[in-house]
Amino acid sequence: MAKKIILVVDDEADIRSSVKTILEKEGYEVITAVNGDDCLKKLEKGKPDLILLDIMMPGTPVREIVKKIKDVKISYLSVVRTSEAEKEKLLGQKNIVDFIQKPFDIKDLVKRVKKLVG
């Protein structure tokens, strides 16, 4: 069975590496990108099963990046406390399937990723 591929997009190196380590231990293949533009470049090479996307990054605004991503589930990672109304608005966007608050609980992160991609 092919490994599920997760693309982790975050401008913080420690977040990228910790999420990569956690998910690789669970048997996922993990690709990382440093920002939205890098994410789009990585998508040219192949389609992951899920993108974990930091909501606040330098460079092209994340909402612009999301518009360019087709047919891939996206879960936001956010340090920013968001209201339920804001979350619902974000989750109402095409492709957005989840919203994970940072700092996240490792078990919760794994559980959510498993729920989204199996």
C-alpha atoms as a PDB file:
ATOM      1  CA  MET A   1       0.000   0.000   0.000  1.00  0.00           C
ATOM      2  CA  ALA A   2       1.357   3.395  -0.956  1.00  0.00           C
ATOM      3  CA  LYS A   3       2.125   5.788   1.849  1.00  0.00           C
ATOM      4  CA  LYS A   4      -0.174   8.755   2.219  1.00  0.00           C
ATOM      5  CA  ILE A   5       1.661  11.977   1.438  1.00  0.00           C
ATOM      6  CA  ILE A   6       1.318  15.027   3.646  1.00  0.00           C
ATOM      7  CA  LEU A   7       2.647  18.436   2.618  1.00  0.00           C
ATOM      8  CA  VAL A   8       3.496  20.609   5.625  1.00  0.00           C
ATOM      9  CA  VAL A   9       3.689  24.321   4.808  1.00  0.00           C
ATOM     10  CA  ASP A  10       4.992  26.548   7.580  1.00  0.00           C
ATOM     11  CA  ASP A  11       7.531  29.355   7.724  1.00  0.00           C
ATOM     12  CA  GLU A  12       8.814  28.118  11.109  1.00  0.00           C
ATOM     13  CA  ALA A  13      11.497  25.456  10.723  1.00  0.00           C
ATOM     14  CA  ASP A  14      10.812  23.922  14.146  1.00  0.00           C
ATOM     15  CA  ILE A  15       7.122  23.433  13.323  1.00  0.00           C
ATOM     16  CA  ARG A  16       7.975  21.875   9.947  1.00  0.00           C
ATOM     17  CA  SER A  17      10.489  19.495  11.423  1.00  0.00           C
ATOM     18  CA  SER A  18       8.399  18.485  14.446  1.00  0.00           C
ATOM     19  CA  VAL A  19       5.259  17.834  12.374  1.00  0.00           C
ATOM     20  CA  LYS A  20       7.378  15.916   9.826  1.00  0.00           C
ATOM     21  CA  THR A  21       8.895  13.753  12.585  1.00  0.00           C
ATOM     22  CA  ILE A  22       5.524  13.082  14.234  1.00  0.00           C
ATOM     23  CA  LEU A  23       3.806  12.112  10.980  1.00  0.00           C
ATOM     24  CA  GLU A  24       6.707  10.041   9.636  1.00  0.00           C
ATOM     25  CA  LYS A  25       6.577   7.986  12.854  1.00  0.00           C
ATOM     26  CA  GLU A  26       2.934   7.302  11.962  1.00  0.00           C
ATOM     27  CA  GLY A  27       3.967   6.000   8.549  1.00  0.00           C
ATOM     28  CA  TYR A  28       3.198   9.018   6.394  1.00  0.00           C
ATOM     29  CA  GLU A  29       5.491  10.417   3.741  1.00  0.00           C
ATOM     30  CA  VAL A  30       6.036  14.081   4.581  1.00  0.00           C
ATOM     31  CA  ILE A  31       7.116  16.858   2.247  1.00  0.00           C
ATOM     32  CA  THR A  32       7.722  20.353   3.594  1.00  0.00           C
ATOM     33  CA  ALA A  33       7.475  23.825   2.119  1.00  0.00           C
ATOM     34  CA  VAL A  34       8.606  27.115   3.682  1.00  0.00           C
ATOM     35  CA  ASN A  35       5.779  29.314   2.355  1.00  0.00           C
ATOM     36  CA  GLY A  36       2.828  29.419  -0.032  1.00  0.00           C
ATOM     37  CA  ASP A  37       4.893  29.926  -3.166  1.00  0.00           C
ATOM     38  CA  ASP A  38       7.143  27.005  -2.218  1.00  0.00           C
ATOM     39  CA  CYS A  39       3.977  24.976  -1.601  1.00  0.00           C
ATOM     40  CA  LEU A  40       2.768  25.657  -5.147  1.00  0.00           C
ATOM     41  CA  LYS A  41       6.181  24.632  -6.533  1.00  0.00           C
ATOM     42  CA  LYS A  42       6.029  21.350  -4.615  1.00  0.00           C
ATOM     43  CA  LEU A  43       2.520  20.726  -5.967  1.00  0.00           C
ATOM     44  CA  GLU A  44       3.877  20.866  -9.521  1.00  0.00           C
ATOM     45  CA  LYS A  45       5.919  17.743  -8.726  1.00  0.00           C
ATOM     46  CA  GLY A  46       3.017  15.747  -7.359  1.00  0.00           C
ATOM     47  CA  LYS A  47      -0.211  15.839  -5.429  1.00  0.00           C
ATOM     48  CA  PRO A  48      -0.201  15.082  -1.687  1.00  0.00           C
ATOM     49  CA  ASP A  49      -3.184  13.526   0.094  1.00  0.00           C
ATOM     50  CA  LEU A  50      -3.324  16.434   2.536  1.00  0.00           C
ATOM     51  CA  ILE A  51      -1.769  19.858   3.003  1.00  0.00           C
ATOM     52  CA  LEU A  52      -1.201  21.207   6.519  1.00  0.00           C
ATOM     53  CA  LEU A  53      -1.028  24.918   5.829  1.00  0.00           C
ATOM     54  CA  ASP A  54       0.071  27.621   8.246  1.00  0.00           C
ATOM     55  CA  ILE A  55      -2.482  30.404   8.034  1.00  0.00           C
ATOM     56  CA  MET A  56      -0.002  33.250   8.630  1.00  0.00           C
ATOM     57  CA  MET A  57       3.150  33.325   6.492  1.00  0.00           C
ATOM     58  CA  PRO A  58       5.249  35.943   4.745  1.00  0.00           C
ATOM     59  CA  GLY A  59       5.009  36.216   0.969  1.00  0.00           C
ATOM     60  CA  THR A  60       1.892  35.575  -1.081  1.00  0.00           C
ATOM     61  CA  PRO A  61      -1.188  35.660   1.189  1.00  0.00           C
ATOM     62  CA  VAL A  62      -2.411  32.195   2.136  1.00  0.00           C
ATOM     63  CA  ARG A  63      -5.921  32.914   0.823  1.00  0.00           C
ATOM     64  CA  GLU A  64      -4.379  33.527  -2.633  1.00  0.00           C
ATOM     65  CA  ILE A  65      -2.431  30.274  -2.386  1.00  0.00           C
ATOM     66  CA  VAL A  66      -5.555  28.328  -1.389  1.00  0.00           C
ATOM     67  CA  LYS A  67      -7.356  29.560  -4.519  1.00  0.00           C
ATOM     68  CA  LYS A  68      -4.612  28.005  -6.655  1.00  0.00           C
ATOM     69  CA  ILE A  69      -4.722  24.593  -4.986  1.00  0.00           C
ATOM     70  CA  LYS A  70      -7.079  22.228  -6.736  1.00  0.00           C
ATOM     71  CA  ASP A  71      -8.324  18.814  -5.627  1.00  0.00           C
ATOM     72  CA  VAL A  72      -6.230  18.537  -2.469  1.00  0.00           C
ATOM     73  CA  LYS A  73      -7.590  18.592   1.077  1.00  0.00           C
ATOM     74  CA  ILE A  74      -6.193  21.437   3.162  1.00  0.00           C
ATOM     75  CA  SER A  75      -6.098  21.759   6.925  1.00  0.00           C
ATOM     76  CA  TYR A  76      -5.045  25.093   8.354  1.00  0.00           C
ATOM     77  CA  LEU A  77      -2.493  25.295  11.146  1.00  0.00           C
ATOM     78  CA  SER A  78      -2.917  28.445  13.157  1.00  0.00           C
ATOM     79  CA  VAL A  79      -1.375  30.093  16.191  1.00  0.00           C
ATOM     80  CA  VAL A  80      -3.923  32.834  15.950  1.00  0.00           C
ATOM     81  CA  ARG A  81      -6.922  32.315  18.177  1.00  0.00           C
ATOM     82  CA  THR A  82      -9.896  32.342  15.884  1.00  0.00           C
ATOM     83  CA  SER A  83     -13.543  32.638  16.753  1.00  0.00           C
ATOM     84  CA  GLU A  84     -15.964  29.888  15.810  1.00  0.00           C
ATOM     85  CA  ALA A  85     -17.489  32.230  13.222  1.00  0.00           C
ATOM     86  CA  GLU A  86     -14.089  32.833  11.604  1.00  0.00           C
ATOM     87  CA  LYS A  87     -13.339  29.103  11.662  1.00  0.00           C
ATOM     88  CA  GLU A  88     -16.647  28.354   9.974  1.00  0.00           C
ATOM     89  CA  LYS A  89     -15.935  30.965   7.318  1.00  0.00           C
ATOM     90  CA  LEU A  90     -12.490  29.422   6.697  1.00  0.00           C
ATOM     91  CA  LEU A  91     -13.862  25.895   6.712  1.00  0.00           C
ATOM     92  CA  GLY A  92     -16.515  27.007   4.227  1.00  0.00           C
ATOM     93  CA  GLN A  93     -13.803  27.532   1.612  1.00  0.00           C
ATOM     94  CA  LYS A  94     -13.316  24.874  -1.022  1.00  0.00           C
ATOM     95  CA  ASN A  95     -10.725  22.235  -0.062  1.00  0.00           C
ATOM     96  CA  ILE A  96     -10.510  23.367   3.592  1.00  0.00           C
ATOM     97  CA  VAL A  97     -11.294  20.328   5.691  1.00  0.00           C
ATOM     98  CA  ASP A  98      -9.949  21.142   9.146  1.00  0.00           C
ATOM     99  CA  PHE A  99      -8.470  23.796  11.364  1.00  0.00           C
ATOM    100  CA  ILE A 100      -5.725  22.799  13.817  1.00  0.00           C
ATOM    101  CA  GLN A 101      -4.767  25.232  16.533  1.00  0.00           C
ATOM    102  CA  LYS A 102      -1.079  25.651  17.451  1.00  0.00           C
ATOM    103  CA  PRO A 103       0.454  24.666  19.755  1.00  0.00           C
ATOM    104  CA  PHE A 104      -1.193  21.358  18.978  1.00  0.00           C
ATOM    105  CA  ASP A 105      -1.364  18.214  20.999  1.00  0.00           C
ATOM    106  CA  ILE A 106       0.610  15.493  19.176  1.00  0.00           C
ATOM    107  CA  LYS A 107      -2.085  12.841  19.680  1.00  0.00           C
ATOM    108  CA  ASP A 108      -4.749  15.247  18.473  1.00  0.00           C
ATOM    109  CA  LEU A 109      -2.711  16.155  15.373  1.00  0.00           C
ATOM    110  CA  VAL A 110      -2.204  12.473  14.510  1.00  0.00           C
ATOM    111  CA  LYS A 111      -5.881  11.696  15.138  1.00  0.00           C
ATOM    112  CA  ARG A 112      -7.010  14.525  12.879  1.00  0.00           C
ATOM    113  CA  VAL A 113      -4.609  13.611  10.077  1.00  0.00           C
ATOM    114  CA  LYS A 114      -5.739   9.963  10.262  1.00  0.00           C
ATOM    115  CA  LYS A 115      -9.360  11.071  10.106  1.00  0.00           C
ATOM    116  CA  LEU A 116      -8.634  13.200   7.013  1.00  0.00           C
ATOM    117  CA  VAL A 117      -6.482  10.806   4.985  1.00  0.00           C
ATOM    118  CA  GLY A 118      -6.785   7.412   6.678  1.00  0.00           C
END
